Amino acid sequence: MASRASPPTWARTGPAFLRHVTSVHGNVIGFLFADPLTAPAGRSNRTNKILWIVRQPRFGSPLMLNGRQAGKSKVVRIQRPADSGPGEIYPTIVDVPTPGCWHFTLSWAGHRDEVDLRYDAA
């Protein structure tokens, strides 16, 4: 669930004026530039941009996102290189084919966490 509460100290380089999601284990914060996120992509004039900040160093490793909607077989895979700064950030566009709740596994530099994202109909 997205929040407007203060992010943890290690993630305060992010845009605090945006709502954010926190991963299951608290090692990833995703700042939502699109609020709400919408699906399917291309039905609105905006993108589902999320700025991910990871707690552990990336060591040049890409961020891998694998998402699945509950009860569905379709998997969304996104890879984002570690080419942005400052800090441990990955700006991404996270589009999915259908509205609903999507569960994503995020992995980078030997680390892993999970987050649920809600998409409204576009």
C-alpha atoms as a PDB file:
ATOM      1  CA  MET A   1       0.000   0.000   0.000  1.00  0.00           C
ATOM      2  CA  ALA A   2       1.326   3.441  -0.934  1.00  0.00           C
ATOM      3  CA  SER A   3       2.076   5.936   1.823  1.00  0.00           C
ATOM      4  CA  ARG A   4       2.866   9.618   2.295  1.00  0.00           C
ATOM      5  CA  ALA A   5       4.664   8.972   5.596  1.00  0.00           C
ATOM      6  CA  SER A   6       8.319   9.940   5.842  1.00  0.00           C
ATOM      7  CA  PRO A   7      10.526   7.362   4.133  1.00  0.00           C
ATOM      8  CA  PRO A   8      13.343   5.785   6.147  1.00  0.00           C
ATOM      9  CA  THR A   9      16.515   7.870   6.566  1.00  0.00           C
ATOM     10  CA  TRP A  10      18.456   5.881   3.943  1.00  0.00           C
ATOM     11  CA  ALA A  11      15.789   6.687   1.297  1.00  0.00           C
ATOM     12  CA  ARG A  12      15.352  10.397   1.989  1.00  0.00           C
ATOM     13  CA  THR A  13      17.202  11.352  -1.196  1.00  0.00           C
ATOM     14  CA  GLY A  14      13.965  10.445  -2.988  1.00  0.00           C
ATOM     15  CA  PRO A  15      11.173  12.896  -3.807  1.00  0.00           C
ATOM     16  CA  ALA A  16       9.432  13.082  -0.416  1.00  0.00           C
ATOM     17  CA  PHE A  17       6.408  14.894  -1.898  1.00  0.00           C
ATOM     18  CA  LEU A  18       5.388  11.671  -3.714  1.00  0.00           C
ATOM     19  CA  ARG A  19       3.608   8.647  -2.283  1.00  0.00           C
ATOM     20  CA  HIS A  20       5.851   5.631  -1.964  1.00  0.00           C
ATOM     21  CA  VAL A  21       5.669   1.877  -1.457  1.00  0.00           C
ATOM     22  CA  THR A  22       7.908  -0.077   0.886  1.00  0.00           C
ATOM     23  CA  SER A  23       9.047  -3.604   0.120  1.00  0.00           C
ATOM     24  CA  VAL A  24       8.187  -6.578   2.333  1.00  0.00           C
ATOM     25  CA  HIS A  25      11.617  -6.651   4.034  1.00  0.00           C
ATOM     26  CA  GLY A  26      12.061  -2.869   4.001  1.00  0.00           C
ATOM     27  CA  ASN A  27      15.103  -2.826   1.695  1.00  0.00           C
ATOM     28  CA  VAL A  28      13.460  -1.043  -1.246  1.00  0.00           C
ATOM     29  CA  ILE A  29      11.365   2.116  -1.471  1.00  0.00           C
ATOM     30  CA  GLY A  30       9.502   2.926  -4.684  1.00  0.00           C
ATOM     31  CA  PHE A  31       8.445   6.552  -5.226  1.00  0.00           C
ATOM     32  CA  LEU A  32       5.340   6.679  -7.450  1.00  0.00           C
ATOM     33  CA  PHE A  33       5.469   9.407 -10.105  1.00  0.00           C
ATOM     34  CA  ALA A  34       2.206   7.995 -11.488  1.00  0.00           C
ATOM     35  CA  ASP A  35      -0.492   8.061  -8.842  1.00  0.00           C
ATOM     36  CA  PRO A  36      -2.424   5.914  -9.322  1.00  0.00           C
ATOM     37  CA  LEU A  37      -0.559   3.403 -11.460  1.00  0.00           C
ATOM     38  CA  THR A  38      -2.714   2.391 -14.431  1.00  0.00           C
ATOM     39  CA  ALA A  39      -3.030  -0.561 -16.822  1.00  0.00           C
ATOM     40  CA  PRO A  40      -2.909  -1.401 -19.618  1.00  0.00           C
ATOM     41  CA  ALA A  41      -0.118   0.847 -20.876  1.00  0.00           C
ATOM     42  CA  GLY A  42      -0.865   3.222 -23.715  1.00  0.00           C
ATOM     43  CA  ARG A  43      -4.445   4.027 -22.718  1.00  0.00           C
ATOM     44  CA  SER A  44      -3.498   7.265 -20.998  1.00  0.00           C
ATOM     45  CA  ASN A  45      -1.061  10.108 -21.644  1.00  0.00           C
ATOM     46  CA  ARG A  46       1.178   9.227 -18.720  1.00  0.00           C
ATOM     47  CA  THR A  47       3.676   6.571 -17.763  1.00  0.00           C
ATOM     48  CA  ASN A  48       3.942   4.358 -14.705  1.00  0.00           C
ATOM     49  CA  LYS A  49       7.261   5.801 -13.547  1.00  0.00           C
ATOM     50  CA  ILE A  50       8.660   4.518 -10.256  1.00  0.00           C
ATOM     51  CA  LEU A  51      11.951   5.621  -8.720  1.00  0.00           C
ATOM     52  CA  TRP A  52      13.341   2.659  -6.761  1.00  0.00           C
ATOM     53  CA  ILE A  53      15.877   3.304  -4.017  1.00  0.00           C
ATOM     54  CA  VAL A  54      17.622   0.215  -2.677  1.00  0.00           C
ATOM     55  CA  ARG A  55      19.160   0.027   0.769  1.00  0.00           C
ATOM     56  CA  GLN A  56      22.166  -2.160  -0.088  1.00  0.00           C
ATOM     57  CA  PRO A  57      24.875  -1.086  -2.569  1.00  0.00           C
ATOM     58  CA  ARG A  58      24.203  -1.993  -6.205  1.00  0.00           C
ATOM     59  CA  PHE A  59      27.880  -2.511  -7.161  1.00  0.00           C
ATOM     60  CA  GLY A  60      26.961  -1.765 -10.782  1.00  0.00           C
ATOM     61  CA  SER A  61      24.353  -4.540 -10.843  1.00  0.00           C
ATOM     62  CA  PRO A  62      21.061  -4.075 -12.715  1.00  0.00           C
ATOM     63  CA  LEU A  63      17.706  -4.167 -10.957  1.00  0.00           C
ATOM     64  CA  MET A  64      15.558  -7.116 -12.054  1.00  0.00           C
ATOM     65  CA  LEU A  65      11.783  -6.959 -11.537  1.00  0.00           C
ATOM     66  CA  ASN A  66       9.583 -10.014 -12.043  1.00  0.00           C
ATOM     67  CA  GLY A  67       5.864  -9.450 -11.557  1.00  0.00           C
ATOM     68  CA  ARG A  68       2.818 -11.670 -11.534  1.00  0.00           C
ATOM     69  CA  GLN A  69      -0.835 -10.992 -10.894  1.00  0.00           C
ATOM     70  CA  ALA A  70      -2.472 -13.301  -8.326  1.00  0.00           C
ATOM     71  CA  GLY A  71      -3.997 -16.347 -10.004  1.00  0.00           C
ATOM     72  CA  LYS A  72      -2.581 -15.491 -13.443  1.00  0.00           C
ATOM     73  CA  SER A  73       0.261 -17.020 -15.435  1.00  0.00           C
ATOM     74  CA  LYS A  74       1.445 -13.873 -17.267  1.00  0.00           C
ATOM     75  CA  VAL A  75       4.823 -12.670 -15.978  1.00  0.00           C
ATOM     76  CA  VAL A  76       6.182  -9.153 -16.497  1.00  0.00           C
ATOM     77  CA  ARG A  77       9.977  -8.904 -16.542  1.00  0.00           C
ATOM     78  CA  ILE A  78      11.865  -5.612 -16.397  1.00  0.00           C
ATOM     79  CA  GLN A  79      15.594  -5.009 -16.164  1.00  0.00           C
ATOM     80  CA  ARG A  80      17.083  -1.607 -15.370  1.00  0.00           C
ATOM     81  CA  PRO A  81      20.831  -0.883 -15.443  1.00  0.00           C
ATOM     82  CA  ALA A  82      22.628   0.761 -12.529  1.00  0.00           C
ATOM     83  CA  ASP A  83      23.361   3.910 -14.516  1.00  0.00           C
ATOM     84  CA  SER A  84      21.604   6.619 -12.487  1.00  0.00           C
ATOM     85  CA  GLY A  85      22.548   8.647  -9.442  1.00  0.00           C
ATOM     86  CA  PRO A  86      22.974  10.004  -6.945  1.00  0.00           C
ATOM     87  CA  GLY A  87      22.911   7.032  -4.639  1.00  0.00           C
ATOM     88  CA  GLU A  88      21.430   3.583  -5.090  1.00  0.00           C
ATOM     89  CA  ILE A  89      18.562   4.473  -7.451  1.00  0.00           C
ATOM     90  CA  TYR A  90      16.851   2.865 -10.418  1.00  0.00           C
ATOM     91  CA  PRO A  91      14.286   4.957 -12.340  1.00  0.00           C
ATOM     92  CA  THR A  92      11.871   2.624 -14.168  1.00  0.00           C
ATOM     93  CA  ILE A  93       8.655   2.472 -16.121  1.00  0.00           C
ATOM     94  CA  VAL A  94       6.670  -0.451 -14.682  1.00  0.00           C
ATOM     95  CA  ASP A  95       3.829  -1.263 -17.067  1.00  0.00           C
ATOM     96  CA  VAL A  96       1.564  -4.307 -16.743  1.00  0.00           C
ATOM     97  CA  PRO A  97      -1.077  -5.660 -19.164  1.00  0.00           C
ATOM     98  CA  THR A  98      -4.083  -5.720 -16.821  1.00  0.00           C
ATOM     99  CA  PRO A  99      -5.355  -3.759 -13.802  1.00  0.00           C
ATOM    100  CA  GLY A 100      -5.294  -5.273 -10.321  1.00  0.00           C
ATOM    101  CA  CYS A 101      -2.717  -6.190  -7.698  1.00  0.00           C
ATOM    102  CA  TRP A 102       0.687  -7.278  -8.988  1.00  0.00           C
ATOM    103  CA  HIS A 103       3.358  -8.941  -6.852  1.00  0.00           C
ATOM    104  CA  PHE A 104       6.928  -8.080  -7.870  1.00  0.00           C
ATOM    105  CA  THR A 105      10.179  -9.698  -6.844  1.00  0.00           C
ATOM    106  CA  LEU A 106      13.087  -7.254  -7.068  1.00  0.00           C
ATOM    107  CA  SER A 107      16.697  -8.399  -7.162  1.00  0.00           C
ATOM    108  CA  TRP A 108      20.051  -6.584  -7.442  1.00  0.00           C
ATOM    109  CA  ALA A 109      23.681  -7.353  -6.523  1.00  0.00           C
ATOM    110  CA  GLY A 110      22.782 -10.599  -4.719  1.00  0.00           C
ATOM    111  CA  HIS A 111      19.893  -9.016  -2.778  1.00  0.00           C
ATOM    112  CA  ARG A 112      16.181  -9.710  -3.088  1.00  0.00           C
ATOM    113  CA  ASP A 113      12.927  -8.222  -1.822  1.00  0.00           C
ATOM    114  CA  GLU A 114       9.251  -8.119  -2.800  1.00  0.00           C
ATOM    115  CA  VAL A 115       6.564  -5.484  -3.232  1.00  0.00           C
ATOM    116  CA  ASP A 116       2.896  -5.381  -4.204  1.00  0.00           C
ATOM    117  CA  LEU A 117       1.699  -2.709  -6.630  1.00  0.00           C
ATOM    118  CA  ARG A 118      -1.924  -1.809  -7.315  1.00  0.00           C
ATOM    119  CA  TYR A 119      -2.902  -0.798 -10.871  1.00  0.00           C
ATOM    120  CA  ASP A 120      -6.206   0.897 -11.653  1.00  0.00           C
ATOM    121  CA  ALA A 121      -7.929   0.575 -15.023  1.00  0.00           C
ATOM    122  CA  ALA A 122      -6.620   3.169 -17.487  1.00  0.00           C
END
